[in-house]
Structure formats: structure tokens, C-alpha cells
Amino acid sequence: MDRIERIIFVGKCGNRREPMAEGIFKDCWNGPEVEVLARGLIVQFPEPMNQKAEAILISNGIHLEEYTSVQFQEKELTENTLVLAMEQSQRAKVLDMCPEATEEQVQVLTDYVGDELEIMDPYGGTLQAYGLCYETLRKSIKKLVKKLNEGE
């Protein structure tokens, strides 16, 4: 992939880890303009961001105005799009949905940046669990920003 013009963070519902990843990336990114999206693989109807995820973002100075979950669609994947899934199963689903996608284009975020563990889903957990998820995401996304800035 030559130059990344769009990054899509993909997860199950698109209203917890994915918007947190979008917000963190936008907060950390200082390179050329990149469109950043959060998408869910199972979005029956648009939902607002999970309240705990939103509270954690706001407490860290990150605001995503009027966020609602959106279903991932194959047409969003262009040749300059990088899709970063939260889990291996979600990566596999995106690759199944998008026969034109390359293995390089669709990655698990933590694998892509060299982290060992996937980002845990805080669903049903305490505010503290969402805070831990945020911290883990932030570490991985800082590595992502570095990797993209170095043009690897």
C-alpha cells in the first residue's frame, strides 16, 4: 500500500473500542491528512457511543461530537485504506466480506504494531475496565502513529 488515506477501526458493534480508537488516533496523529472512521460489523441500527467509553474519552480531553455506530461496508475499502480490526475473528470477517481486500490492508491493530494481546472488549465491565481498555488502545495507537510516520 503506497499512502494510507483512510483508516477504519473495526469491531463488533462500533460503539465501544472503535470510537475510542478513532478519538485516540485523531488526538495523536500529526501527519498528512487521513480520514479516520470507526465501524461495526454487526450494527442493526445506529447507536450512540457507549456511555462509559464516552466518559473515558472526555476525561482524557477527547470529544467525538454526536458519534453514532455505523455498519462497515465493502465499498469503504479502497486501495489506500487500512482496516484495523480489534480481534482476529473480526479481521477474518472483513476479509470474507471484501474479496478484493489484501491481507496487508486488513490487520488486527495489535498485530500490526507488534503488541502481543488483542484489545480486550470492556462490554459489561466497570468504568475502570473501560479506562484500562483506553490505556491499552492508546499505547497501541501511539505505536501505530509512529509506524505510519516512519512510512513502514
N, C-alpha and C. Protein backbone atom coordinates (compact mmCIF):
# COMPACT_ATOMS: atom_id res chain seq x y z
N MET A 1 0.86 -1.17 0.00
CA MET A 1 0.00 0.00 0.00
C MET A 1 0.91 1.23 0.00
N ASP A 2 0.70 2.11 -0.96
CA ASP A 2 1.55 3.29 -1.07
C ASP A 2 1.33 4.25 0.08
N ARG A 3 0.28 5.03 -0.01
CA ARG A 3 -0.01 6.01 1.04
C ARG A 3 -1.39 5.73 1.60
N ILE A 4 -1.47 5.71 2.91
CA ILE A 4 -2.75 5.45 3.57
C ILE A 4 -3.55 6.75 3.61
N GLU A 5 -4.75 6.70 3.03
CA GLU A 5 -5.63 7.87 3.01
C GLU A 5 -6.81 7.72 3.95
N ARG A 6 -7.09 6.45 4.34
CA ARG A 6 -8.23 6.20 5.23
C ARG A 6 -7.87 5.05 6.16
N ILE A 7 -8.19 5.23 7.42
CA ILE A 7 -8.04 4.16 8.42
C ILE A 7 -9.42 3.89 8.98
N ILE A 8 -9.78 2.61 8.99
CA ILE A 8 -11.07 2.21 9.56
C ILE A 8 -10.80 1.26 10.72
N PHE A 9 -11.20 1.68 11.92
CA PHE A 9 -11.12 0.82 13.09
C PHE A 9 -12.42 0.01 13.13
N VAL A 10 -12.29 -1.31 13.10
CA VAL A 10 -13.46 -2.19 13.00
C VAL A 10 -13.54 -3.09 14.22
N GLY A 11 -14.76 -3.23 14.73
CA GLY A 11 -15.02 -4.15 15.83
C GLY A 11 -16.42 -4.70 15.71
N LYS A 12 -16.89 -5.30 16.76
CA LYS A 12 -18.19 -5.96 16.72
C LYS A 12 -19.34 -4.98 16.49
N CYS A 13 -19.54 -4.05 17.40
CA CYS A 13 -20.72 -3.17 17.33
C CYS A 13 -20.41 -1.74 16.91
N GLY A 14 -19.16 -1.35 16.99
CA GLY A 14 -18.79 0.00 16.58
C GLY A 14 -19.16 1.09 17.57
N ASN A 15 -19.39 0.72 18.83
CA ASN A 15 -19.75 1.78 19.78
C ASN A 15 -18.93 1.77 21.08
N ARG A 16 -17.84 0.98 21.11
CA ARG A 16 -17.00 0.96 22.32
C ARG A 16 -15.53 1.18 21.94
N ARG A 17 -14.82 0.12 21.64
CA ARG A 17 -13.39 0.23 21.34
C ARG A 17 -13.13 1.04 20.08
N GLU A 18 -13.98 0.89 19.09
CA GLU A 18 -13.75 1.52 17.79
C GLU A 18 -13.78 3.05 17.86
N PRO A 19 -14.83 3.66 18.47
CA PRO A 19 -14.79 5.12 18.58
C PRO A 19 -13.67 5.60 19.52
N MET A 20 -13.33 4.79 20.53
CA MET A 20 -12.21 5.18 21.38
C MET A 20 -10.93 5.21 20.53
N ALA A 21 -10.75 4.20 19.69
CA ALA A 21 -9.57 4.15 18.82
C ALA A 21 -9.56 5.34 17.86
N GLU A 22 -10.71 5.64 17.28
CA GLU A 22 -10.80 6.79 16.37
C GLU A 22 -10.40 8.08 17.09
N GLY A 23 -10.96 8.31 18.26
CA GLY A 23 -10.67 9.52 19.01
C GLY A 23 -9.21 9.61 19.42
N ILE A 24 -8.65 8.50 19.88
CA ILE A 24 -7.24 8.49 20.29
C ILE A 24 -6.35 8.76 19.09
N PHE A 25 -6.64 8.10 17.97
CA PHE A 25 -5.81 8.31 16.77
C PHE A 25 -5.84 9.78 16.35
N LYS A 26 -7.03 10.36 16.30
CA LYS A 26 -7.15 11.76 15.90
C LYS A 26 -6.39 12.67 16.86
N ASP A 27 -6.39 12.29 18.14
CA ASP A 27 -5.69 13.08 19.16
C ASP A 27 -4.17 12.98 19.00
N CYS A 28 -3.69 11.83 18.56
CA CYS A 28 -2.24 11.58 18.46
C CYS A 28 -1.65 11.91 17.09
N TRP A 29 -2.46 11.88 16.05
CA TRP A 29 -1.95 11.99 14.68
C TRP A 29 -1.52 13.41 14.35
N ASN A 30 -0.36 13.55 13.75
CA ASN A 30 0.14 14.85 13.32
C ASN A 30 0.74 14.79 11.93
N GLY A 31 0.43 13.73 11.20
CA GLY A 31 0.96 13.56 9.85
C GLY A 31 0.01 14.13 8.81
N PRO A 32 0.20 13.71 7.54
CA PRO A 32 -0.68 14.18 6.47
C PRO A 32 -2.14 13.78 6.73
N GLU A 33 -3.03 14.50 6.12
CA GLU A 33 -4.46 14.26 6.36
C GLU A 33 -4.85 12.82 6.04
N VAL A 34 -5.54 12.20 6.99
CA VAL A 34 -6.03 10.83 6.86
C VAL A 34 -7.47 10.82 7.36
N GLU A 35 -8.36 10.21 6.60
CA GLU A 35 -9.74 10.03 7.07
C GLU A 35 -9.75 8.87 8.07
N VAL A 36 -10.35 9.09 9.23
CA VAL A 36 -10.38 8.06 10.27
C VAL A 36 -11.84 7.75 10.61
N LEU A 37 -12.18 6.47 10.53
CA LEU A 37 -13.54 6.03 10.77
C LEU A 37 -13.58 4.90 11.78
N ALA A 38 -14.69 4.80 12.49
CA ALA A 38 -14.95 3.66 13.37
C ALA A 38 -16.18 2.96 12.81
N ARG A 39 -16.11 1.64 12.69
CA ARG A 39 -17.22 0.88 12.12
C ARG A 39 -17.45 -0.39 12.92
N GLY A 40 -18.69 -0.86 12.86
CA GLY A 40 -19.06 -2.12 13.49
C GLY A 40 -19.38 -3.15 12.43
N LEU A 41 -19.21 -4.41 12.77
CA LEU A 41 -19.54 -5.48 11.84
C LEU A 41 -20.97 -5.97 12.02
N ILE A 42 -21.56 -5.66 13.18
CA ILE A 42 -22.96 -6.03 13.44
C ILE A 42 -23.66 -4.81 14.00
N VAL A 43 -24.16 -3.96 13.11
CA VAL A 43 -24.87 -2.75 13.53
C VAL A 43 -26.29 -2.84 12.98
N GLN A 44 -27.23 -3.23 13.85
CA GLN A 44 -28.63 -3.39 13.44
C GLN A 44 -29.26 -2.02 13.19
N PHE A 45 -28.89 -1.06 14.04
CA PHE A 45 -29.39 0.32 13.91
C PHE A 45 -28.34 1.22 14.57
N PRO A 46 -28.25 2.48 14.14
CA PRO A 46 -27.24 3.38 14.71
C PRO A 46 -27.46 3.57 16.22
N GLU A 47 -26.38 3.43 16.97
CA GLU A 47 -26.42 3.64 18.41
C GLU A 47 -25.39 4.69 18.80
N PRO A 48 -25.66 5.43 19.86
CA PRO A 48 -24.65 6.37 20.34
C PRO A 48 -23.47 5.58 20.92
N MET A 49 -22.37 6.27 21.13
CA MET A 49 -21.21 5.65 21.76
C MET A 49 -21.60 5.16 23.15
N ASN A 50 -21.05 4.05 23.55
CA ASN A 50 -21.25 3.55 24.89
C ASN A 50 -20.91 4.66 25.88
N GLN A 51 -21.77 4.86 26.89
CA GLN A 51 -21.59 5.98 27.82
C GLN A 51 -20.28 5.91 28.59
N LYS A 52 -19.86 4.71 28.95
CA LYS A 52 -18.60 4.57 29.69
C LYS A 52 -17.41 4.89 28.78
N ALA A 53 -17.47 4.44 27.53
CA ALA A 53 -16.40 4.74 26.57
C ALA A 53 -16.32 6.26 26.35
N GLU A 54 -17.48 6.89 26.22
CA GLU A 54 -17.53 8.33 26.01
C GLU A 54 -16.98 9.07 27.24
N ALA A 55 -17.34 8.61 28.43
CA ALA A 55 -16.86 9.25 29.66
C ALA A 55 -15.33 9.17 29.77
N ILE A 56 -14.78 8.03 29.40
CA ILE A 56 -13.31 7.86 29.44
C ILE A 56 -12.64 8.78 28.43
N LEU A 57 -13.20 8.86 27.22
CA LEU A 57 -12.63 9.77 26.21
C LEU A 57 -12.66 11.21 26.72
N ILE A 58 -13.82 11.64 27.20
CA ILE A 58 -13.98 13.02 27.66
C ILE A 58 -13.02 13.32 28.81
N SER A 59 -12.87 12.36 29.73
CA SER A 59 -11.95 12.58 30.86
C SER A 59 -10.50 12.70 30.40
N ASN A 60 -10.22 12.24 29.18
CA ASN A 60 -8.88 12.37 28.60
C ASN A 60 -8.81 13.49 27.56
N GLY A 61 -9.84 14.34 27.56
CA GLY A 61 -9.82 15.52 26.69
C GLY A 61 -10.14 15.25 25.24
N ILE A 62 -10.79 14.12 24.95
CA ILE A 62 -11.13 13.75 23.57
C ILE A 62 -12.64 13.77 23.41
N HIS A 63 -13.11 14.52 22.43
CA HIS A 63 -14.55 14.64 22.19
C HIS A 63 -14.87 14.22 20.76
N LEU A 64 -15.76 13.25 20.61
CA LEU A 64 -16.29 12.88 19.29
C LEU A 64 -17.73 13.36 19.29
N GLU A 65 -17.98 14.42 18.58
CA GLU A 65 -19.31 15.04 18.59
C GLU A 65 -20.36 14.14 17.96
N GLU A 66 -21.43 13.90 18.69
CA GLU A 66 -22.61 13.18 18.21
C GLU A 66 -22.27 11.89 17.47
N TYR A 67 -21.39 11.09 18.03
CA TYR A 67 -20.99 9.83 17.42
C TYR A 67 -22.15 8.84 17.43
N THR A 68 -22.33 8.14 16.32
CA THR A 68 -23.25 7.00 16.27
C THR A 68 -22.56 5.88 15.50
N SER A 69 -22.87 4.66 15.89
CA SER A 69 -22.26 3.49 15.25
C SER A 69 -22.76 3.36 13.80
N VAL A 70 -21.88 2.88 12.94
CA VAL A 70 -22.17 2.70 11.52
C VAL A 70 -21.68 1.32 11.09
N GLN A 71 -22.46 0.66 10.28
CA GLN A 71 -22.11 -0.66 9.75
C GLN A 71 -20.96 -0.54 8.76
N PHE A 72 -19.94 -1.39 8.89
CA PHE A 72 -18.85 -1.45 7.92
C PHE A 72 -19.41 -1.95 6.59
N GLN A 73 -18.98 -1.31 5.50
CA GLN A 73 -19.42 -1.72 4.17
C GLN A 73 -18.21 -1.90 3.26
N GLU A 74 -18.29 -2.89 2.41
CA GLU A 74 -17.19 -3.22 1.50
C GLU A 74 -16.75 -2.02 0.67
N LYS A 75 -17.70 -1.16 0.27
CA LYS A 75 -17.37 -0.02 -0.59
C LYS A 75 -16.45 0.99 0.10
N GLU A 76 -16.35 0.94 1.43
CA GLU A 76 -15.46 1.86 2.15
C GLU A 76 -13.99 1.47 2.01
N LEU A 77 -13.73 0.26 1.57
CA LEU A 77 -12.38 -0.24 1.45
C LEU A 77 -11.83 0.08 0.06
N THR A 78 -11.00 1.12 0.00
CA THR A 78 -10.35 1.48 -1.26
C THR A 78 -8.91 0.98 -1.21
N GLU A 79 -8.17 1.15 -2.30
CA GLU A 79 -6.80 0.64 -2.31
C GLU A 79 -5.88 1.35 -1.32
N ASN A 80 -6.25 2.55 -0.88
CA ASN A 80 -5.44 3.28 0.10
C ASN A 80 -6.08 3.29 1.49
N THR A 81 -6.84 2.25 1.79
CA THR A 81 -7.50 2.11 3.08
C THR A 81 -6.81 1.03 3.90
N LEU A 82 -6.59 1.34 5.17
CA LEU A 82 -6.07 0.36 6.12
C LEU A 82 -7.19 0.07 7.10
N VAL A 83 -7.58 -1.20 7.20
CA VAL A 83 -8.62 -1.61 8.14
C VAL A 83 -7.92 -2.27 9.33
N LEU A 84 -8.20 -1.76 10.51
CA LEU A 84 -7.59 -2.30 11.73
C LEU A 84 -8.70 -2.86 12.62
N ALA A 85 -8.77 -4.18 12.68
CA ALA A 85 -9.77 -4.87 13.50
C ALA A 85 -9.28 -4.98 14.93
N MET A 86 -10.21 -5.15 15.84
CA MET A 86 -9.86 -5.30 17.25
C MET A 86 -9.48 -6.74 17.58
N GLU A 87 -10.00 -7.71 16.80
CA GLU A 87 -9.76 -9.13 17.08
C GLU A 87 -9.55 -9.90 15.78
N GLN A 88 -8.89 -11.06 15.88
CA GLN A 88 -8.64 -11.91 14.71
C GLN A 88 -9.94 -12.31 14.02
N SER A 89 -10.96 -12.66 14.80
CA SER A 89 -12.23 -13.09 14.20
C SER A 89 -12.85 -11.97 13.36
N GLN A 90 -12.68 -10.73 13.80
CA GLN A 90 -13.22 -9.59 13.05
C GLN A 90 -12.41 -9.36 11.78
N ARG A 91 -11.11 -9.54 11.85
CA ARG A 91 -10.26 -9.44 10.65
C ARG A 91 -10.72 -10.48 9.62
N ALA A 92 -10.94 -11.70 10.07
CA ALA A 92 -11.39 -12.77 9.18
C ALA A 92 -12.72 -12.42 8.53
N LYS A 93 -13.62 -11.84 9.31
CA LYS A 93 -14.93 -11.46 8.77
C LYS A 93 -14.79 -10.37 7.70
N VAL A 94 -13.93 -9.38 7.94
CA VAL A 94 -13.72 -8.32 6.94
C VAL A 94 -13.14 -8.92 5.67
N LEU A 95 -12.16 -9.82 5.80
CA LEU A 95 -11.57 -10.45 4.62
C LEU A 95 -12.60 -11.28 3.86
N ASP A 96 -13.53 -11.92 4.58
CA ASP A 96 -14.61 -12.67 3.93
C ASP A 96 -15.57 -11.73 3.19
N MET A 97 -15.89 -10.61 3.82
CA MET A 97 -16.83 -9.64 3.25
C MET A 97 -16.26 -8.93 2.02
N CYS A 98 -14.95 -8.79 1.97
CA CYS A 98 -14.28 -7.97 0.96
C CYS A 98 -13.29 -8.81 0.17
N PRO A 99 -13.77 -9.52 -0.85
CA PRO A 99 -12.88 -10.39 -1.61
C PRO A 99 -11.72 -9.65 -2.29
N GLU A 100 -11.88 -8.35 -2.51
CA GLU A 100 -10.82 -7.56 -3.15
C GLU A 100 -9.72 -7.14 -2.16
N ALA A 101 -9.99 -7.27 -0.87
CA ALA A 101 -9.04 -6.82 0.15
C ALA A 101 -7.81 -7.71 0.18
N THR A 102 -6.67 -7.10 0.45
CA THR A 102 -5.44 -7.86 0.60
C THR A 102 -5.20 -8.12 2.09
N GLU A 103 -4.39 -9.14 2.37
CA GLU A 103 -4.03 -9.45 3.76
C GLU A 103 -3.35 -8.25 4.40
N GLU A 104 -2.55 -7.52 3.62
CA GLU A 104 -1.82 -6.36 4.12
C GLU A 104 -2.77 -5.23 4.54
N GLN A 105 -3.87 -5.08 3.81
CA GLN A 105 -4.82 -3.99 4.07
C GLN A 105 -5.67 -4.19 5.30
N VAL A 106 -5.89 -5.42 5.67
CA VAL A 106 -6.79 -5.74 6.79
C VAL A 106 -5.96 -6.43 7.86
N GLN A 107 -5.80 -5.75 8.99
CA GLN A 107 -4.93 -6.24 10.06
C GLN A 107 -5.66 -6.18 11.40
N VAL A 108 -5.13 -6.90 12.36
CA VAL A 108 -5.55 -6.70 13.75
C VAL A 108 -4.64 -5.60 14.29
N LEU A 109 -5.22 -4.58 14.90
CA LEU A 109 -4.44 -3.43 15.37
C LEU A 109 -3.20 -3.86 16.14
N THR A 110 -3.37 -4.72 17.13
CA THR A 110 -2.24 -5.07 17.99
C THR A 110 -1.17 -5.86 17.23
N ASP A 111 -1.58 -6.73 16.32
CA ASP A 111 -0.60 -7.46 15.49
C ASP A 111 0.18 -6.48 14.62
N TYR A 112 -0.52 -5.54 14.05
CA TYR A 112 0.08 -4.58 13.12
C TYR A 112 1.18 -3.76 13.78
N VAL A 113 1.01 -3.44 15.06
CA VAL A 113 2.00 -2.61 15.76
C VAL A 113 2.95 -3.44 16.62
N GLY A 114 2.81 -4.77 16.59
CA GLY A 114 3.74 -5.63 17.31
C GLY A 114 3.40 -5.90 18.77
N ASP A 115 2.16 -5.66 19.17
CA ASP A 115 1.74 -5.99 20.53
C ASP A 115 1.28 -7.45 20.57
N GLU A 116 1.38 -8.05 21.73
CA GLU A 116 1.08 -9.48 21.84
C GLU A 116 -0.41 -9.79 21.99
N LEU A 117 -1.11 -8.99 22.78
CA LEU A 117 -2.50 -9.30 23.09
C LEU A 117 -3.47 -8.38 22.34
N GLU A 118 -4.63 -8.93 21.99
CA GLU A 118 -5.68 -8.12 21.38
C GLU A 118 -6.23 -7.15 22.42
N ILE A 119 -6.91 -6.10 21.94
CA ILE A 119 -7.53 -5.13 22.84
C ILE A 119 -8.79 -5.78 23.43
N MET A 120 -8.83 -5.91 24.75
CA MET A 120 -10.00 -6.57 25.36
C MET A 120 -11.25 -5.70 25.21
N ASP A 121 -12.37 -6.39 25.05
CA ASP A 121 -13.66 -5.71 24.92
C ASP A 121 -14.19 -5.43 26.33
N PRO A 122 -14.38 -4.16 26.68
CA PRO A 122 -14.83 -3.84 28.04
C PRO A 122 -16.33 -4.00 28.24
N TYR A 123 -17.06 -4.46 27.21
CA TYR A 123 -18.52 -4.53 27.28
C TYR A 123 -18.99 -5.20 28.58
N GLY A 124 -19.89 -4.52 29.26
CA GLY A 124 -20.46 -5.04 30.51
C GLY A 124 -19.57 -4.81 31.71
N GLY A 125 -18.41 -4.22 31.48
CA GLY A 125 -17.47 -4.01 32.57
C GLY A 125 -17.67 -2.68 33.27
N THR A 126 -16.85 -2.45 34.26
CA THR A 126 -16.90 -1.22 35.04
C THR A 126 -16.25 -0.07 34.27
N LEU A 127 -16.40 1.11 34.79
CA LEU A 127 -15.72 2.27 34.21
C LEU A 127 -14.21 2.04 34.23
N GLN A 128 -13.73 1.37 35.26
CA GLN A 128 -12.31 1.06 35.35
C GLN A 128 -11.87 0.15 34.20
N ALA A 129 -12.71 -0.80 33.80
CA ALA A 129 -12.40 -1.69 32.66
C ALA A 129 -12.30 -0.87 31.37
N TYR A 130 -13.18 0.10 31.22
CA TYR A 130 -13.12 0.97 30.04
C TYR A 130 -11.85 1.83 30.07
N GLY A 131 -11.47 2.26 31.27
CA GLY A 131 -10.24 3.03 31.41
C GLY A 131 -9.02 2.21 31.03
N LEU A 132 -8.99 0.96 31.44
CA LEU A 132 -7.90 0.06 31.08
C LEU A 132 -7.86 -0.17 29.57
N CYS A 133 -9.04 -0.36 28.98
CA CYS A 133 -9.15 -0.52 27.53
C CYS A 133 -8.57 0.72 26.82
N TYR A 134 -8.93 1.89 27.32
CA TYR A 134 -8.42 3.16 26.76
C TYR A 134 -6.90 3.19 26.81
N GLU A 135 -6.33 2.87 27.97
CA GLU A 135 -4.87 2.92 28.14
C GLU A 135 -4.18 1.95 27.18
N THR A 136 -4.74 0.75 27.04
CA THR A 136 -4.17 -0.25 26.14
C THR A 136 -4.26 0.23 24.69
N LEU A 137 -5.44 0.76 24.33
CA LEU A 137 -5.61 1.30 22.97
C LEU A 137 -4.61 2.44 22.71
N ARG A 138 -4.46 3.32 23.67
CA ARG A 138 -3.58 4.48 23.49
C ARG A 138 -2.13 4.03 23.23
N LYS A 139 -1.67 3.03 23.96
CA LYS A 139 -0.31 2.52 23.74
C LYS A 139 -0.17 1.96 22.33
N SER A 140 -1.14 1.16 21.90
CA SER A 140 -1.07 0.57 20.56
C SER A 140 -1.17 1.65 19.49
N ILE A 141 -2.02 2.63 19.70
CA ILE A 141 -2.21 3.68 18.68
C ILE A 141 -0.99 4.59 18.61
N LYS A 142 -0.32 4.82 19.72
CA LYS A 142 0.93 5.60 19.66
C LYS A 142 1.96 4.85 18.81
N LYS A 143 2.01 3.53 18.92
CA LYS A 143 2.90 2.72 18.08
C LYS A 143 2.46 2.80 16.62
N LEU A 144 1.15 2.80 16.39
CA LEU A 144 0.61 2.92 15.04
C LEU A 144 1.03 4.25 14.41
N VAL A 145 0.88 5.34 15.15
CA VAL A 145 1.24 6.67 14.65
C VAL A 145 2.73 6.70 14.30
N LYS A 146 3.54 6.14 15.17
CA LYS A 146 4.99 6.10 14.90
C LYS A 146 5.27 5.31 13.63
N LYS A 147 4.64 4.15 13.51
CA LYS A 147 4.84 3.29 12.34
C LYS A 147 4.42 4.00 11.05
N LEU A 148 3.28 4.67 11.08
CA LEU A 148 2.81 5.37 9.89
C LEU A 148 3.69 6.58 9.56
N ASN A 149 4.17 7.28 10.58
CA ASN A 149 5.05 8.42 10.35
C ASN A 149 6.40 7.99 9.77
N GLU A 150 6.83 6.78 10.13
CA GLU A 150 8.09 6.28 9.60
C GLU A 150 7.91 5.66 8.21
N GLY A 151 6.67 5.54 7.77
CA GLY A 151 6.39 5.02 6.43
C GLY A 151 6.71 3.55 6.25
N GLU A 152 6.57 2.80 7.33
CA GLU A 152 6.84 1.36 7.24
C GLU A 152 5.75 0.65 6.49
